[in-house]
Structures are given as structure tokens and as C-alpha cells.
Amino acid sequence: MAHTPRSNTLAAQGDSRPDAAETAVPAKVWAAAQALLQSRRTGLYSEHTFHISQAQEAYWVNDLVATALGWQGADAARHWKSGGPGRNAELTHAALNPQGVWASPAHAPAWPLHHGGVEAEVALRLACDVDAPLAATLTHENAPQLVDAVCVAIEVVSSRLAQPQEASAWDRMADAQSHGALVLGPWVPHTGQRFDWVQQRGCLQINQHVPLPFTGTHSLADPFWVLPAWLRHATRHGQVVRAGTVVSTGNWSGNTPVQRGDRVCVRFEGLGEAVVEL
């Protein structure tokens, strides 16, 4: 059965203004967070220019929004995106709105689709709780043992910014890296097997158009590569990432433009498919 998302009007859990312990929040960070909260509540674009100039400020905005909307609290958020342009670049991470994470096949005609696009991805699910001491020990060799399942995912791109093409990379990062929604295909158990990601084939299809194929196009050459950096980020304030938490791991297909009414299907050989109707 198709999943129907709830309304895009989100209510903050109380006043998200920093309390006395958080008075060091820079004015531009606070203003950016409020602009994004307003956009998420109303479903309207934000005309605000954030002037975010570094990763710390962008993550500060992310944390304020995620906390105000109840995506995270004493524990870390349960859904994330993580990735980067290559192994030598700093990876970036964003907590995701749980109301916008859906099982395939998903049906989302009322969900915001601002400057819409879709990306083919692979998502991972944690088998156990991870705290900061455990995250500090992780390497690219031992981190995969923390994953109990893998699935095909579709990231729906949707910006809260009125002119995202003209916004800085930092401002887009503050806007949860232009994340709109995440569609998850059926989970495939991960029992320690090695995937040949360099040879991994897949395709992205819009409606009845010819599928767009890809092979081994993940920027990190391995979706599991995000795990150490993502988990250290998610636990950096002492929060625990709980078992069952999901992270989407980066784009395989490029950002393909879509519009309302399109049906999107992503397939990965050996892993299955995910479908969303927008």
C-alpha cells in the first residue's frame, strides 16, 4: 500500500529561541534558523539571505531547526543524509524530517516540491546504539559491522530557498543540503558480505521515459565510507545514535529534475527498487 505523507505544515515544539545557556548563538545563525522554521511551517519559500560562511554555522542552523521541530532531543535524529564529492573532501551531514521519510511505494502529491529533483541513493540501517566513545573508534574497515541492512533509496530534492541556484554552498547546507524527502525500498539484510560497489549497476526512470543507467558512480566508491565521519558528527554533543537509525549515503545519478505528477523509480541490481509518485 502506498504511504501518504502528513501535511507539510509543521509546528515547532515550543519557542526555539536559544535560552540563557545558548546566548552565544550568532545573530545570523539564529535568523537563518527562524527563516527556515517559518518556511517549513508555511510551505513558502524563504527570501532571507543567510550569509552562512562556515560548516560550524550551517550545522548550528541544522541543530536549531531539528531541535525546534522535534527531530532530535536527548538522542540523535533517527534519519540522516551524509556524503561528499570525494574521499579527500570533508563529508557533510544533515538530520532529516521524519515525516518526510517514507516506505516505497510512496505517494506524495501534497508534499513540498520546491525546485524539485530526485537522486538515486543507497541507505544503511544501524544494528546497535552508537555513542561518542564508540564512534571515536570507528574506521572504514570496522564500521560496516554496525550495519544490519541496506536498501535502495530516492532522495527528493526540495529547497526552502527562493533562489537556491544563487545561494552559497553554506546556505544550502544550512537548509539541510536542500533535502526534501527520502523514500526507502525494502531492506536487504547485511551479514558482512562485501559489495562490489565499483561495478554496481542501477538506473533511474521518470514515468515511461528511457531509464537513465549508471555503474559505480558513487562519489566515495563505497556508501559505507560515510559511517565513521557521520557517526562522530551525530554523537559530537553527547547524543546517542540509536539502533535502527537510517543514513542515506550520497548520490549515484546526479540531480534529475522532476515535477508534480511524475512517477520515479530507482533500481539497483541485487538490491531492489524504490518508487515514489510526486
C-alpha atoms as a PDB file:
ATOM      1  CA  MET A   1       0.000   0.000   0.000  1.00  0.00           C
ATOM      2  CA  ALA A   2       1.289   3.461  -0.878  1.00  0.00           C
ATOM      3  CA  HIS A   3       2.267   5.698   2.021  1.00  0.00           C
ATOM      4  CA  THR A   4       0.620   9.116   2.167  1.00  0.00           C
ATOM      5  CA  PRO A   5       2.721  11.745   3.994  1.00  0.00           C
ATOM      6  CA  ARG A   6       1.138  14.068   6.522  1.00  0.00           C
ATOM      7  CA  SER A   7       0.629  17.781   5.918  1.00  0.00           C
ATOM      8  CA  ASN A   8       3.686  19.901   5.224  1.00  0.00           C
ATOM      9  CA  THR A   9       2.638  22.395   7.905  1.00  0.00           C
ATOM     10  CA  LEU A  10       4.943  21.724  10.828  1.00  0.00           C
ATOM     11  CA  ALA A  11       4.569  23.143  14.305  1.00  0.00           C
ATOM     12  CA  ALA A  12       7.619  23.835  16.424  1.00  0.00           C
ATOM     13  CA  GLN A  13       7.682  22.293  19.874  1.00  0.00           C
ATOM     14  CA  GLY A  14       7.745  25.467  21.900  1.00  0.00           C
ATOM     15  CA  ASP A  15       9.842  28.559  21.310  1.00  0.00           C
ATOM     16  CA  SER A  16      13.077  27.615  19.546  1.00  0.00           C
ATOM     17  CA  ARG A  17      14.896  30.781  20.668  1.00  0.00           C
ATOM     18  CA  PRO A  18      18.157  29.866  22.414  1.00  0.00           C
ATOM     19  CA  ASP A  19      17.934  30.006  26.203  1.00  0.00           C
ATOM     20  CA  ALA A  20      20.427  31.665  28.525  1.00  0.00           C
ATOM     21  CA  ALA A  21      22.875  28.777  28.063  1.00  0.00           C
ATOM     22  CA  GLU A  22      22.858  29.355  24.303  1.00  0.00           C
ATOM     23  CA  THR A  23      23.220  33.120  24.114  1.00  0.00           C
ATOM     24  CA  ALA A  24      26.420  32.716  22.092  1.00  0.00           C
ATOM     25  CA  VAL A  25      24.377  31.770  19.019  1.00  0.00           C
ATOM     26  CA  PRO A  26      25.351  34.334  16.357  1.00  0.00           C
ATOM     27  CA  ALA A  27      22.553  36.577  15.136  1.00  0.00           C
ATOM     28  CA  LYS A  28      22.866  35.339  11.541  1.00  0.00           C
ATOM     29  CA  VAL A  29      22.611  31.714  12.680  1.00  0.00           C
ATOM     30  CA  TRP A  30      19.517  32.469  14.727  1.00  0.00           C
ATOM     31  CA  ALA A  31      17.963  34.453  11.824  1.00  0.00           C
ATOM     32  CA  ALA A  32      18.646  31.637   9.349  1.00  0.00           C
ATOM     33  CA  ALA A  33      17.078  29.064  11.667  1.00  0.00           C
ATOM     34  CA  GLN A  34      13.966  31.199  12.142  1.00  0.00           C
ATOM     35  CA  ALA A  35      13.633  31.767   8.395  1.00  0.00           C
ATOM     36  CA  LEU A  36      13.841  28.032   7.729  1.00  0.00           C
ATOM     37  CA  LEU A  37      11.374  27.233  10.506  1.00  0.00           C
ATOM     38  CA  GLN A  38       8.936  29.753   9.042  1.00  0.00           C
ATOM     39  CA  SER A  39       9.337  28.237   5.593  1.00  0.00           C
ATOM     40  CA  ARG A  40       8.712  24.731   6.898  1.00  0.00           C
ATOM     41  CA  ARG A  41       5.609  25.870   8.806  1.00  0.00           C
ATOM     42  CA  THR A  42       4.078  27.795   5.918  1.00  0.00           C
ATOM     43  CA  GLY A  43       5.327  25.817   2.920  1.00  0.00           C
ATOM     44  CA  LEU A  44       6.502  29.091   1.344  1.00  0.00           C
ATOM     45  CA  TYR A  45       9.957  29.979   0.027  1.00  0.00           C
ATOM     46  CA  SER A  46      12.306  31.958   2.236  1.00  0.00           C
ATOM     47  CA  GLU A  47      13.626  35.181   0.686  1.00  0.00           C
ATOM     48  CA  HIS A  48      16.094  35.529   3.550  1.00  0.00           C
ATOM     49  CA  THR A  49      19.809  35.591   2.691  1.00  0.00           C
ATOM     50  CA  PHE A  50      21.603  33.643   5.396  1.00  0.00           C
ATOM     51  CA  HIS A  51      25.245  34.713   4.908  1.00  0.00           C
ATOM     52  CA  ILE A  52      26.425  31.445   6.451  1.00  0.00           C
ATOM     53  CA  SER A  53      30.183  31.240   5.945  1.00  0.00           C
ATOM     54  CA  GLN A  54      31.403  28.001   7.514  1.00  0.00           C
ATOM     55  CA  ALA A  55      30.364  24.444   8.338  1.00  0.00           C
ATOM     56  CA  GLN A  56      30.029  25.135  12.082  1.00  0.00           C
ATOM     57  CA  GLU A  57      27.403  27.827  11.415  1.00  0.00           C
ATOM     58  CA  ALA A  58      25.491  25.633   8.953  1.00  0.00           C
ATOM     59  CA  TYR A  59      25.411  22.764  11.449  1.00  0.00           C
ATOM     60  CA  TRP A  60      24.290  25.168  14.166  1.00  0.00           C
ATOM     61  CA  VAL A  61      21.321  26.125  11.989  1.00  0.00           C
ATOM     62  CA  ASN A  62      20.578  22.450  11.318  1.00  0.00           C
ATOM     63  CA  ASP A  63      20.621  21.670  15.042  1.00  0.00           C
ATOM     64  CA  LEU A  64      18.326  24.570  15.942  1.00  0.00           C
ATOM     65  CA  VAL A  65      15.782  23.542  13.301  1.00  0.00           C
ATOM     66  CA  ALA A  66      15.948  19.830  14.149  1.00  0.00           C
ATOM     67  CA  THR A  67      15.529  20.512  17.870  1.00  0.00           C
ATOM     68  CA  ALA A  68      12.707  23.037  17.405  1.00  0.00           C
ATOM     69  CA  LEU A  69      10.750  20.610  15.221  1.00  0.00           C
ATOM     70  CA  GLY A  70      11.360  17.607  17.452  1.00  0.00           C
ATOM     71  CA  TRP A  71      13.538  15.639  15.056  1.00  0.00           C
ATOM     72  CA  GLN A  72      16.143  15.137  17.784  1.00  0.00           C
ATOM     73  CA  GLY A  73      16.347  15.598  21.528  1.00  0.00           C
ATOM     74  CA  ALA A  74      18.246  13.662  24.162  1.00  0.00           C
ATOM     75  CA  ASP A  75      19.050  11.167  21.395  1.00  0.00           C
ATOM     76  CA  ALA A  76      20.268  11.990  17.906  1.00  0.00           C
ATOM     77  CA  ALA A  77      17.831  12.164  14.997  1.00  0.00           C
ATOM     78  CA  ARG A  78      16.683   8.811  13.574  1.00  0.00           C
ATOM     79  CA  HIS A  79      17.143   9.718   9.882  1.00  0.00           C
ATOM     80  CA  TRP A  80      20.149  11.367   8.228  1.00  0.00           C
ATOM     81  CA  LYS A  81      21.877  12.124   4.971  1.00  0.00           C
ATOM     82  CA  SER A  82      25.643  12.075   4.632  1.00  0.00           C
ATOM     83  CA  GLY A  83      28.098  12.324   1.775  1.00  0.00           C
ATOM     84  CA  GLY A  84      30.615  14.367  -0.124  1.00  0.00           C
ATOM     85  CA  PRO A  85      32.258  14.884  -3.519  1.00  0.00           C
ATOM     86  CA  GLY A  86      35.153  12.526  -2.810  1.00  0.00           C
ATOM     87  CA  ARG A  87      37.203  10.732  -0.181  1.00  0.00           C
ATOM     88  CA  ASN A  88      39.648  13.592   0.140  1.00  0.00           C
ATOM     89  CA  ALA A  89      36.902  16.136   0.814  1.00  0.00           C
ATOM     90  CA  GLU A  90      35.184  16.813   4.129  1.00  0.00           C
ATOM     91  CA  LEU A  91      31.906  14.921   4.317  1.00  0.00           C
ATOM     92  CA  THR A  92      28.742  16.778   5.295  1.00  0.00           C
ATOM     93  CA  HIS A  93      25.719  15.548   7.229  1.00  0.00           C
ATOM     94  CA  ALA A  94      22.133  16.630   7.940  1.00  0.00           C
ATOM     95  CA  ALA A  95      19.338  15.375  10.181  1.00  0.00           C
ATOM     96  CA  LEU A  96      16.113  14.695   8.258  1.00  0.00           C
ATOM     97  CA  ASN A  97      12.458  15.388   8.920  1.00  0.00           C
ATOM     98  CA  PRO A  98      10.956  12.014   9.976  1.00  0.00           C
ATOM     99  CA  GLN A  99       7.593  12.975   8.441  1.00  0.00           C
ATOM    100  CA  GLY A 100       9.358  13.028   5.077  1.00  0.00           C
ATOM    101  CA  VAL A 101      10.810   9.509   5.288  1.00  0.00           C
ATOM    102  CA  TRP A 102       8.527   7.003   3.554  1.00  0.00           C
ATOM    103  CA  ALA A 103       8.479   3.346   2.639  1.00  0.00           C
ATOM    104  CA  SER A 104       8.266   2.538  -1.059  1.00  0.00           C
ATOM    105  CA  PRO A 105       5.953   2.767  -2.895  1.00  0.00           C
ATOM    106  CA  ALA A 106       5.245   6.305  -1.677  1.00  0.00           C
ATOM    107  CA  HIS A 107       2.572   8.717  -2.879  1.00  0.00           C
ATOM    108  CA  ALA A 108       3.344  12.365  -2.112  1.00  0.00           C
ATOM    109  CA  PRO A 109       1.186  14.780  -4.136  1.00  0.00           C
ATOM    110  CA  ALA A 110       0.867  17.292  -1.279  1.00  0.00           C
ATOM    111  CA  TRP A 111       4.498  17.261  -0.153  1.00  0.00           C
ATOM    112  CA  PRO A 112       6.539  20.434  -0.891  1.00  0.00           C
ATOM    113  CA  LEU A 113       8.462  20.200  -4.166  1.00  0.00           C
ATOM    114  CA  HIS A 114      10.399  23.451  -4.486  1.00  0.00           C
ATOM    115  CA  HIS A 115      12.938  23.385  -7.329  1.00  0.00           C
ATOM    116  CA  GLY A 116      12.301  19.642  -7.362  1.00  0.00           C
ATOM    117  CA  GLY A 117      14.742  16.929  -8.271  1.00  0.00           C
ATOM    118  CA  VAL A 118      15.493  13.305  -7.409  1.00  0.00           C
ATOM    119  CA  GLU A 119      18.684  11.352  -6.737  1.00  0.00           C
ATOM    120  CA  ALA A 120      19.380   7.609  -6.655  1.00  0.00           C
ATOM    121  CA  GLU A 121      20.975   6.576  -3.369  1.00  0.00           C
ATOM    122  CA  VAL A 122      21.699   3.664  -1.048  1.00  0.00           C
ATOM    123  CA  ALA A 123      20.637   3.828   2.612  1.00  0.00           C
ATOM    124  CA  LEU A 124      22.120   1.969   5.592  1.00  0.00           C
ATOM    125  CA  ARG A 125      20.484   0.956   8.889  1.00  0.00           C
ATOM    126  CA  LEU A 126      22.319   0.648  12.198  1.00  0.00           C
ATOM    127  CA  ALA A 127      22.199  -2.633  14.108  1.00  0.00           C
ATOM    128  CA  CYS A 128      23.148  -1.156  17.513  1.00  0.00           C
ATOM    129  CA  ASP A 129      23.328   2.026  19.544  1.00  0.00           C
ATOM    130  CA  VAL A 130      26.390   4.205  18.909  1.00  0.00           C
ATOM    131  CA  ASP A 131      27.694   6.730  21.434  1.00  0.00           C
ATOM    132  CA  ALA A 132      30.637   9.120  21.152  1.00  0.00           C
ATOM    133  CA  PRO A 133      33.262   6.739  22.635  1.00  0.00           C
ATOM    134  CA  LEU A 134      32.281   4.006  20.171  1.00  0.00           C
ATOM    135  CA  ALA A 135      32.146   6.463  17.255  1.00  0.00           C
ATOM    136  CA  ALA A 136      35.690   7.603  18.071  1.00  0.00           C
ATOM    137  CA  THR A 137      36.993   4.074  17.484  1.00  0.00           C
ATOM    138  CA  LEU A 138      35.443   3.600  14.063  1.00  0.00           C
ATOM    139  CA  THR A 139      37.435   3.133  10.902  1.00  0.00           C
ATOM    140  CA  HIS A 140      36.392   2.418   7.330  1.00  0.00           C
ATOM    141  CA  GLU A 141      37.298  -1.211   7.981  1.00  0.00           C
ATOM    142  CA  ASN A 142      35.323  -1.875  11.166  1.00  0.00           C
ATOM    143  CA  ALA A 143      32.331   0.489  10.795  1.00  0.00           C
ATOM    144  CA  PRO A 144      30.390  -1.733   8.319  1.00  0.00           C
ATOM    145  CA  GLN A 145      29.863  -4.307  11.082  1.00  0.00           C
ATOM    146  CA  LEU A 146      27.462  -1.819  12.726  1.00  0.00           C
ATOM    147  CA  VAL A 147      25.049  -2.060   9.759  1.00  0.00           C
ATOM    148  CA  ASP A 148      22.315  -4.706   9.707  1.00  0.00           C
ATOM    149  CA  ALA A 149      20.553  -3.810   6.444  1.00  0.00           C
ATOM    150  CA  VAL A 150      20.904  -1.925   3.159  1.00  0.00           C
ATOM    151  CA  CYS A 151      18.238  -0.572   0.818  1.00  0.00           C
ATOM    152  CA  VAL A 152      17.660   1.392  -2.374  1.00  0.00           C
ATOM    153  CA  ALA A 153      16.656   4.996  -1.636  1.00  0.00           C
ATOM    154  CA  ILE A 154      15.351   8.005  -3.514  1.00  0.00           C
ATOM    155  CA  GLU A 155      16.208  11.438  -2.212  1.00  0.00           C
ATOM    156  CA  VAL A 156      13.675  14.070  -3.229  1.00  0.00           C
ATOM    157  CA  VAL A 157      15.437  17.423  -3.530  1.00  0.00           C
ATOM    158  CA  SER A 158      13.405  20.425  -2.388  1.00  0.00           C
ATOM    159  CA  SER A 159      14.794  23.756  -1.247  1.00  0.00           C
ATOM    160  CA  ARG A 160      13.297  26.226   1.202  1.00  0.00           C
ATOM    161  CA  LEU A 161      15.312  28.991  -0.516  1.00  0.00           C
ATOM    162  CA  ALA A 162      13.648  31.174  -3.130  1.00  0.00           C
ATOM    163  CA  GLN A 163      16.769  31.173  -5.335  1.00  0.00           C
ATOM    164  CA  PRO A 164      18.826  28.107  -4.366  1.00  0.00           C
ATOM    165  CA  GLN A 165      20.910  28.261  -7.549  1.00  0.00           C
ATOM    166  CA  GLU A 166      22.185  31.673  -6.459  1.00  0.00           C
ATOM    167  CA  ALA A 167      22.669  30.757  -2.800  1.00  0.00           C
ATOM    168  CA  SER A 168      26.074  29.863  -1.404  1.00  0.00           C
ATOM    169  CA  ALA A 169      27.007  26.254  -0.706  1.00  0.00           C
ATOM    170  CA  TRP A 170      26.964  27.089   3.018  1.00  0.00           C
ATOM    171  CA  ASP A 171      23.422  28.488   2.840  1.00  0.00           C
ATOM    172  CA  ARG A 172      22.242  25.360   1.006  1.00  0.00           C
ATOM    173  CA  MET A 173      23.991  23.259   3.627  1.00  0.00           C
ATOM    174  CA  ALA A 174      22.161  25.183   6.360  1.00  0.00           C
ATOM    175  CA  ASP A 175      18.931  24.246   4.558  1.00  0.00           C
ATOM    176  CA  ALA A 176      19.570  20.536   5.261  1.00  0.00           C
ATOM    177  CA  GLN A 177      21.514  20.369   1.987  1.00  0.00           C
ATOM    178  CA  SER A 178      18.282  21.027   0.057  1.00  0.00           C
ATOM    179  CA  HIS A 179      16.730  17.806   1.322  1.00  0.00           C
ATOM    180  CA  GLY A 180      13.022  17.328   0.678  1.00  0.00           C
ATOM    181  CA  ALA A 181      12.138  13.702   1.422  1.00  0.00           C
ATOM    182  CA  LEU A 182      13.573  10.190   1.480  1.00  0.00           C
ATOM    183  CA  VAL A 183      11.925   7.078   0.042  1.00  0.00           C
ATOM    184  CA  LEU A 184      13.222   3.706   1.259  1.00  0.00           C
ATOM    185  CA  GLY A 185      12.894   0.426  -0.629  1.00  0.00           C
ATOM    186  CA  PRO A 186      12.698  -2.988   1.062  1.00  0.00           C
ATOM    187  CA  TRP A 187      15.586  -3.679   3.430  1.00  0.00           C
ATOM    188  CA  VAL A 188      18.166  -6.272   2.397  1.00  0.00           C
ATOM    189  CA  PRO A 189      19.930  -7.912   5.371  1.00  0.00           C
ATOM    190  CA  HIS A 190      23.627  -7.097   5.679  1.00  0.00           C
ATOM    191  CA  THR A 191      25.508 -10.078   7.042  1.00  0.00           C
ATOM    192  CA  GLY A 192      29.030  -8.806   6.487  1.00  0.00           C
ATOM    193  CA  GLN A 193      29.108  -9.533   2.780  1.00  0.00           C
ATOM    194  CA  ARG A 194      31.338  -7.405   0.571  1.00  0.00           C
ATOM    195  CA  PHE A 195      29.637  -5.387  -2.156  1.00  0.00           C
ATOM    196  CA  ASP A 196      31.405  -4.627  -5.406  1.00  0.00           C
ATOM    197  CA  TRP A 197      30.279  -1.013  -5.444  1.00  0.00           C
ATOM    198  CA  VAL A 198      32.638  -0.066  -8.275  1.00  0.00           C
ATOM    199  CA  GLN A 199      30.723  -2.453 -10.549  1.00  0.00           C
ATOM    200  CA  GLN A 200      27.297  -1.781  -9.025  1.00  0.00           C
ATOM    201  CA  ARG A 201      24.685  -1.123 -11.716  1.00  0.00           C
ATOM    202  CA  GLY A 202      21.443   0.759 -11.417  1.00  0.00           C
ATOM    203  CA  CYS A 203      19.061   3.077 -13.191  1.00  0.00           C
ATOM    204  CA  LEU A 204      16.677   5.942 -12.543  1.00  0.00           C
ATOM    205  CA  GLN A 205      13.424   6.138 -14.519  1.00  0.00           C
ATOM    206  CA  ILE A 206      10.936   9.023 -14.710  1.00  0.00           C
ATOM    207  CA  ASN A 207       7.460   7.948 -15.845  1.00  0.00           C
ATOM    208  CA  GLN A 208       7.770   5.840 -19.017  1.00  0.00           C
ATOM    209  CA  HIS A 209      10.925   7.539 -20.268  1.00  0.00           C
ATOM    210  CA  VAL A 210      14.022   5.542 -21.093  1.00  0.00           C
ATOM    211  CA  PRO A 211      15.794   4.589 -17.829  1.00  0.00           C
ATOM    212  CA  LEU A 212      18.977   6.514 -17.075  1.00  0.00           C
ATOM    213  CA  PRO A 213      21.672   3.908 -16.286  1.00  0.00           C
ATOM    214  CA  PHE A 214      24.679   4.261 -14.005  1.00  0.00           C
ATOM    215  CA  THR A 215      27.512   1.967 -12.925  1.00  0.00           C
ATOM    216  CA  GLY A 216      29.859   2.528  -9.995  1.00  0.00           C
ATOM    217  CA  THR A 217      29.170   6.264  -9.880  1.00  0.00           C
ATOM    218  CA  HIS A 218      29.100   6.784  -6.115  1.00  0.00           C
ATOM    219  CA  SER A 219      31.458   9.671  -5.326  1.00  0.00           C
ATOM    220  CA  LEU A 220      33.076   7.794  -2.422  1.00  0.00           C
ATOM    221  CA  ALA A 221      33.220   4.455  -4.299  1.00  0.00           C
ATOM    222  CA  ASP A 222      31.513   2.859  -1.274  1.00  0.00           C
ATOM    223  CA  PRO A 223      28.354   4.012   0.562  1.00  0.00           C
ATOM    224  CA  PHE A 224      29.730   2.584   3.836  1.00  0.00           C
ATOM    225  CA  TRP A 225      32.557   5.143   3.675  1.00  0.00           C
ATOM    226  CA  VAL A 226      30.330   7.772   5.351  1.00  0.00           C
ATOM    227  CA  LEU A 227      29.898   5.813   8.574  1.00  0.00           C
ATOM    228  CA  PRO A 228      32.844   6.968  10.755  1.00  0.00           C
ATOM    229  CA  ALA A 229      32.523  10.671   9.934  1.00  0.00           C
ATOM    230  CA  TRP A 230      28.708  10.665  10.151  1.00  0.00           C
ATOM    231  CA  LEU A 231      28.594   8.859  13.497  1.00  0.00           C
ATOM    232  CA  ARG A 232      31.241  11.115  15.033  1.00  0.00           C
ATOM    233  CA  HIS A 233      29.220  14.119  13.851  1.00  0.00           C
ATOM    234  CA  ALA A 234      25.900  12.772  15.150  1.00  0.00           C
ATOM    235  CA  THR A 235      27.352  11.988  18.602  1.00  0.00           C
ATOM    236  CA  ARG A 236      29.520  15.104  18.958  1.00  0.00           C
ATOM    237  CA  HIS A 237      27.244  16.700  21.589  1.00  0.00           C
ATOM    238  CA  GLY A 238      26.978  13.530  23.665  1.00  0.00           C
ATOM    239  CA  GLN A 239      23.833  12.235  21.990  1.00  0.00           C
ATOM    240  CA  VAL A 240      23.376   8.547  21.192  1.00  0.00           C
ATOM    241  CA  VAL A 241      22.522   7.300  17.717  1.00  0.00           C
ATOM    242  CA  ARG A 242      20.039   4.522  18.361  1.00  0.00           C
ATOM    243  CA  ALA A 243      19.782   1.130  16.686  1.00  0.00           C
ATOM    244  CA  GLY A 244      17.505   1.350  13.659  1.00  0.00           C
ATOM    245  CA  THR A 245      18.739   4.822  12.684  1.00  0.00           C
ATOM    246  CA  VAL A 246      18.953   5.271   8.909  1.00  0.00           C
ATOM    247  CA  VAL A 247      21.502   7.224   6.876  1.00  0.00           C
ATOM    248  CA  SER A 248      21.313   7.894   3.151  1.00  0.00           C
ATOM    249  CA  THR A 249      24.813   7.893   1.732  1.00  0.00           C
ATOM    250  CA  GLY A 250      25.091  10.063  -1.364  1.00  0.00           C
ATOM    251  CA  ASN A 251      24.122  10.442  -4.976  1.00  0.00           C
ATOM    252  CA  TRP A 252      24.693   7.939  -7.792  1.00  0.00           C
ATOM    253  CA  SER A 253      22.680   9.507 -10.596  1.00  0.00           C
ATOM    254  CA  GLY A 254      23.006  13.298 -10.464  1.00  0.00           C
ATOM    255  CA  ASN A 255      20.103  15.566  -9.584  1.00  0.00           C
ATOM    256  CA  THR A 256      17.383  14.779 -12.136  1.00  0.00           C
ATOM    257  CA  PRO A 257      14.648  17.467 -12.398  1.00  0.00           C
ATOM    258  CA  VAL A 258      11.084  16.339 -11.693  1.00  0.00           C
ATOM    259  CA  GLN A 259       7.682  17.970 -11.483  1.00  0.00           C
ATOM    260  CA  ARG A 260       4.418  17.325  -9.739  1.00  0.00           C
ATOM    261  CA  GLY A 261       2.739  14.147 -11.002  1.00  0.00           C
ATOM    262  CA  ASP A 262       5.935  12.342 -12.007  1.00  0.00           C
ATOM    263  CA  ARG A 263       6.500   8.716 -11.078  1.00  0.00           C
ATOM    264  CA  VAL A 264      10.111   7.971 -10.131  1.00  0.00           C
ATOM    265  CA  CYS A 265      11.636   4.507  -9.932  1.00  0.00           C
ATOM    266  CA  VAL A 266      15.219   3.749  -8.884  1.00  0.00           C
ATOM    267  CA  ARG A 267      16.651   0.243  -9.262  1.00  0.00           C
ATOM    268  CA  PHE A 268      19.954  -1.225  -8.097  1.00  0.00           C
ATOM    269  CA  GLU A 269      20.878  -4.693  -9.359  1.00  0.00           C
ATOM    270  CA  GLY A 270      20.759  -7.138  -6.480  1.00  0.00           C
ATOM    271  CA  LEU A 271      19.272  -4.623  -4.040  1.00  0.00           C
ATOM    272  CA  GLY A 272      15.803  -3.969  -5.426  1.00  0.00           C
ATOM    273  CA  GLU A 273      13.970  -0.759  -6.162  1.00  0.00           C
ATOM    274  CA  ALA A 274      12.192   2.243  -4.668  1.00  0.00           C
ATOM    275  CA  VAL A 275       9.239   4.121  -6.165  1.00  0.00           C
ATOM    276  CA  VAL A 276       7.604   7.476  -5.452  1.00  0.00           C
ATOM    277  CA  GLU A 277       4.756   9.342  -7.161  1.00  0.00           C
ATOM    278  CA  LEU A 278       5.142  13.079  -6.632  1.00  0.00           C
END
